[in-house]
């Protein structure tokens, strides 16, 4: 989701990034595009109180060496099911983070430009997307989905509907997270659960 950050008298567009995505962007700006980078931080609780914290240039990256040299890429795999129900486009997504050992799910409506889908790609920066585009999606809309993934440099592996089967998802989730009573809201997101099932299958190929 696009945010507007106040710095002095100006307002600038921005969004949240995971560390792995930030490192990629910094390398692209400094090494490929050969531009300067400035990083600001808040100095108080005021939205307008920001100061320059770090800066780097193509010939002098010293202040960002700790990011560019040592930061590790997040190992996030994504599964997404996109379909139309009752005239509304729905996206069910799951993210398996190998380094953090987490499984996150979300389900949301989207518009004809798939802006929400692209926004979550930018925020999570997955290394791969396991994609199921339902037959209810037109060829033109599928093209938009694939273009969004390409813009975010996310490789795509298209899946069959069997990979998103939820026949054993409650058992699988119970094995991974324990009691499901604290996650009842997740169980109501059936398309996101299908995506979670796909991620679990990929990470546990011997799982029945």
Protein backbone atom coordinates (compact mmCIF):
# COMPACT_ATOMS: atom_id res chain seq x y z
CA UNK A 1 0.00 0.00 0.00
CA UNK A 2 1.36 3.43 -0.99
CA UNK A 3 2.02 5.81 1.90
CA UNK A 4 2.86 9.52 1.96
CA UNK A 5 5.67 10.56 4.28
CA UNK A 6 6.02 14.15 5.46
CA UNK A 7 9.60 15.51 5.48
CA UNK A 8 9.79 19.21 6.24
CA UNK A 9 7.22 20.94 4.08
CA UNK A 10 7.11 18.20 1.46
CA UNK A 11 5.16 14.94 1.21
CA UNK A 12 6.75 12.00 -0.57
CA UNK A 13 5.26 8.66 -1.70
CA UNK A 14 6.68 5.51 -0.11
CA UNK A 15 5.92 1.97 1.07
CA UNK A 16 7.21 -0.69 3.47
CA UNK A 17 9.88 -3.12 2.31
CA UNK A 18 11.31 -6.32 3.69
CA UNK A 19 15.11 -6.25 4.24
CA UNK A 20 15.88 -8.52 1.30
CA UNK A 21 13.96 -6.30 -1.10
CA UNK A 22 15.65 -3.19 0.30
CA UNK A 23 19.10 -4.64 -0.37
CA UNK A 24 18.13 -5.43 -3.97
CA UNK A 25 16.87 -1.88 -4.51
CA UNK A 26 19.98 -0.32 -2.96
CA UNK A 27 22.25 -2.43 -5.16
CA UNK A 28 20.24 -1.52 -8.23
CA UNK A 29 20.37 2.22 -7.48
CA UNK A 30 24.03 2.38 -6.48
CA UNK A 31 25.64 -0.20 -8.76
CA UNK A 32 23.46 -0.44 -11.87
CA UNK A 33 21.92 3.02 -12.09
CA UNK A 34 24.85 4.76 -10.39
CA UNK A 35 22.70 7.16 -8.38
CA UNK A 36 23.11 8.54 -4.87
CA UNK A 37 21.10 7.25 -1.91
CA UNK A 38 19.99 9.11 1.22
CA UNK A 39 18.30 7.39 4.17
CA UNK A 40 16.29 9.46 6.66
CA UNK A 41 15.07 8.54 10.13
CA UNK A 42 12.54 10.01 12.52
CA UNK A 43 13.96 12.09 15.36
CA UNK A 44 10.70 12.33 17.30
CA UNK A 45 7.12 11.11 17.24
CA UNK A 46 6.25 13.97 14.88
CA UNK A 47 5.55 12.86 11.31
CA UNK A 48 7.48 15.88 10.01
CA UNK A 49 10.64 15.43 12.09
CA UNK A 50 13.12 13.50 9.92
CA UNK A 51 16.92 13.83 9.68
CA UNK A 52 19.49 12.44 7.30
CA UNK A 53 20.89 9.26 8.88
CA UNK A 54 23.01 7.68 6.12
CA UNK A 55 24.07 8.42 2.58
CA UNK A 56 25.99 6.61 -0.12
CA UNK A 57 27.23 7.19 -3.65
CA UNK A 58 28.47 4.79 -6.31
CA UNK A 59 32.06 5.66 -5.45
CA UNK A 60 31.55 5.70 -1.67
CA UNK A 61 29.21 3.13 -0.18
CA UNK A 62 30.88 3.00 3.22
CA UNK A 63 27.84 3.90 5.31
CA UNK A 64 25.79 1.10 3.70
CA UNK A 65 28.46 -1.61 3.56
CA UNK A 66 26.79 -3.43 6.45
CA UNK A 67 23.62 -3.76 4.35
CA UNK A 68 25.11 -4.44 0.95
CA UNK A 69 27.75 -6.87 2.14
CA UNK A 70 26.19 -8.83 4.99
CA UNK A 71 22.41 -8.81 4.62
CA UNK A 72 20.96 -12.12 3.56
CA UNK A 73 18.11 -12.55 1.13
CA UNK A 74 14.81 -13.57 2.64
CA UNK A 75 13.80 -17.01 1.48
CA UNK A 76 10.11 -16.43 0.90
CA UNK A 77 8.00 -18.64 -1.34
CA UNK A 78 4.52 -17.48 -2.29
CA UNK A 79 1.43 -19.30 -3.51
CA UNK A 80 -1.50 -17.39 -4.99
CA UNK A 81 -4.94 -18.39 -6.20
CA UNK A 82 -6.81 -15.77 -8.21
CA UNK A 83 -10.42 -16.15 -9.24
CA UNK A 84 -13.74 -14.38 -9.78
CA UNK A 85 -16.76 -15.10 -7.58
CA UNK A 86 -20.04 -13.23 -7.82
CA UNK A 87 -18.45 -10.61 -10.05
CA UNK A 88 -15.58 -9.88 -7.65
CA UNK A 89 -11.91 -10.70 -8.18
CA UNK A 90 -10.45 -12.51 -5.17
CA UNK A 91 -6.83 -13.28 -4.33
CA UNK A 92 -5.86 -15.91 -1.79
CA UNK A 93 -2.16 -15.82 -0.91
CA UNK A 94 0.23 -17.61 1.40
CA UNK A 95 3.88 -16.86 2.19
CA UNK A 96 6.30 -19.40 3.60
CA UNK A 97 9.42 -17.78 5.03
CA UNK A 98 12.13 -20.41 5.42
CA UNK A 99 14.53 -18.21 7.34
CA UNK A 100 11.88 -17.03 9.83
CA UNK A 101 9.99 -20.36 9.81
CA UNK A 102 6.65 -18.62 9.40
CA UNK A 103 3.55 -19.18 7.26
CA UNK A 104 1.39 -16.12 6.61
CA UNK A 105 -1.91 -16.03 4.73
CA UNK A 106 -4.17 -13.30 3.40
CA UNK A 107 -7.25 -13.03 1.23
CA UNK A 108 -8.44 -9.84 -0.42
CA UNK A 109 -10.49 -8.39 -3.24
CA UNK A 110 -8.75 -6.70 -6.14
CA UNK A 111 -9.57 -4.46 -9.09
CA UNK A 112 -9.02 -4.73 -12.80
CA UNK A 113 -5.44 -3.43 -12.54
CA UNK A 114 -4.51 -5.96 -9.78
CA UNK A 115 -2.90 -3.13 -7.79
CA UNK A 116 -3.40 -4.86 -4.43
CA UNK A 117 -1.76 -8.02 -5.74
CA UNK A 118 1.24 -6.08 -7.04
CA UNK A 119 1.49 -4.14 -3.77
CA UNK A 120 1.81 -7.31 -1.73
CA UNK A 121 4.45 -8.59 -4.15
CA UNK A 122 6.50 -5.45 -3.51
CA UNK A 123 6.08 -5.71 0.27
CA UNK A 124 6.90 -9.42 0.60
CA UNK A 125 9.40 -9.79 -2.26
CA UNK A 126 9.00 -13.57 -2.69
CA UNK A 127 11.66 -15.60 -4.49
CA UNK A 128 8.97 -17.54 -6.40
CA UNK A 129 5.21 -17.50 -6.92
CA UNK A 130 3.28 -20.74 -7.24
CA UNK A 131 0.33 -19.48 -9.24
CA UNK A 132 -3.16 -20.85 -9.86
CA UNK A 133 -5.28 -18.68 -12.14
CA UNK A 134 -8.85 -19.93 -12.11
CA UNK A 135 -10.74 -20.51 -15.36
CA UNK A 136 -13.04 -17.63 -14.36
CA UNK A 137 -10.17 -15.20 -15.04
CA UNK A 138 -9.98 -13.92 -18.61
CA UNK A 139 -6.86 -14.27 -20.74
CA UNK A 140 -6.41 -10.49 -20.64
CA UNK A 141 -6.54 -10.43 -16.84
CA UNK A 142 -4.14 -13.35 -16.59
CA UNK A 143 -1.73 -11.36 -18.74
CA UNK A 144 -2.00 -8.45 -16.27
CA UNK A 145 -1.23 -10.81 -13.37
CA UNK A 146 1.85 -12.20 -15.09
CA UNK A 147 3.01 -8.69 -16.00
CA UNK A 148 2.72 -7.62 -12.34
CA UNK A 149 4.88 -10.57 -11.32
CA UNK A 150 7.41 -9.74 -14.03
CA UNK A 151 7.64 -6.10 -12.90
CA UNK A 152 8.47 -7.32 -9.39
CA UNK A 153 11.06 -9.81 -10.70
CA UNK A 154 9.17 -12.76 -9.23
CA UNK A 155 9.56 -16.05 -11.14
CA UNK A 156 6.29 -17.89 -11.72
CA UNK A 157 5.51 -21.60 -11.60
CA UNK A 158 1.94 -22.29 -12.65
CA UNK A 159 0.13 -24.95 -10.66
CA UNK A 160 -2.77 -27.32 -11.13
CA UNK A 161 -5.80 -27.04 -8.87
CA UNK A 162 -4.82 -30.25 -7.05
CA UNK A 163 -1.84 -28.41 -5.54
CA UNK A 164 -4.31 -26.08 -3.79
CA UNK A 165 -6.49 -28.84 -2.37
CA UNK A 166 -7.51 -28.19 1.25
CA UNK A 167 -8.57 -31.75 2.03
CA UNK A 168 -5.88 -32.13 4.73
CA UNK A 169 -5.14 -28.50 5.52
CA UNK A 170 -6.52 -28.51 9.06
CA UNK A 171 -4.41 -31.55 9.90
CA UNK A 172 -1.33 -29.97 8.32
CA UNK A 173 -1.81 -26.66 10.12
CA UNK A 174 -2.42 -28.45 13.39
CA UNK A 175 0.88 -30.27 12.97
CA UNK A 176 2.69 -27.01 12.22
CA UNK A 177 1.14 -24.54 14.67
CA UNK A 178 -0.56 -26.71 17.25
CA UNK A 179 -4.09 -25.97 18.44
CA UNK A 180 -6.14 -24.13 15.82
CA UNK A 181 -8.51 -22.40 18.23
CA UNK A 182 -6.40 -19.23 18.05
CA UNK A 183 -6.50 -19.25 14.25
CA UNK A 184 -10.21 -19.67 13.52
CA UNK A 185 -10.24 -16.51 11.39
CA UNK A 186 -7.69 -18.11 9.07
CA UNK A 187 -9.87 -21.18 8.59
CA UNK A 188 -12.58 -18.95 7.12
CA UNK A 189 -10.31 -17.80 4.27
CA UNK A 190 -10.78 -20.81 2.02
CA UNK A 191 -8.82 -19.46 -0.96
CA UNK A 192 -5.90 -18.40 1.24
CA UNK A 193 -6.01 -21.84 2.86
CA UNK A 194 -5.62 -23.39 -0.59
CA UNK A 195 -2.52 -21.27 -1.11
CA UNK A 196 -1.20 -22.34 2.31
CA UNK A 197 -1.75 -25.98 1.34
CA UNK A 198 0.32 -25.42 -1.79
CA UNK A 199 3.21 -23.88 0.16
CA UNK A 200 3.13 -26.74 2.66
CA UNK A 201 3.21 -29.32 -0.15
CA UNK A 202 6.21 -27.66 -1.78
CA UNK A 203 8.16 -27.46 1.48
CA UNK A 204 7.16 -30.99 2.47
CA UNK A 205 7.15 -33.01 -0.76
CA UNK A 206 6.59 -36.26 1.14
CA UNK A 207 3.51 -34.86 2.84
CA UNK A 208 0.46 -36.87 1.69
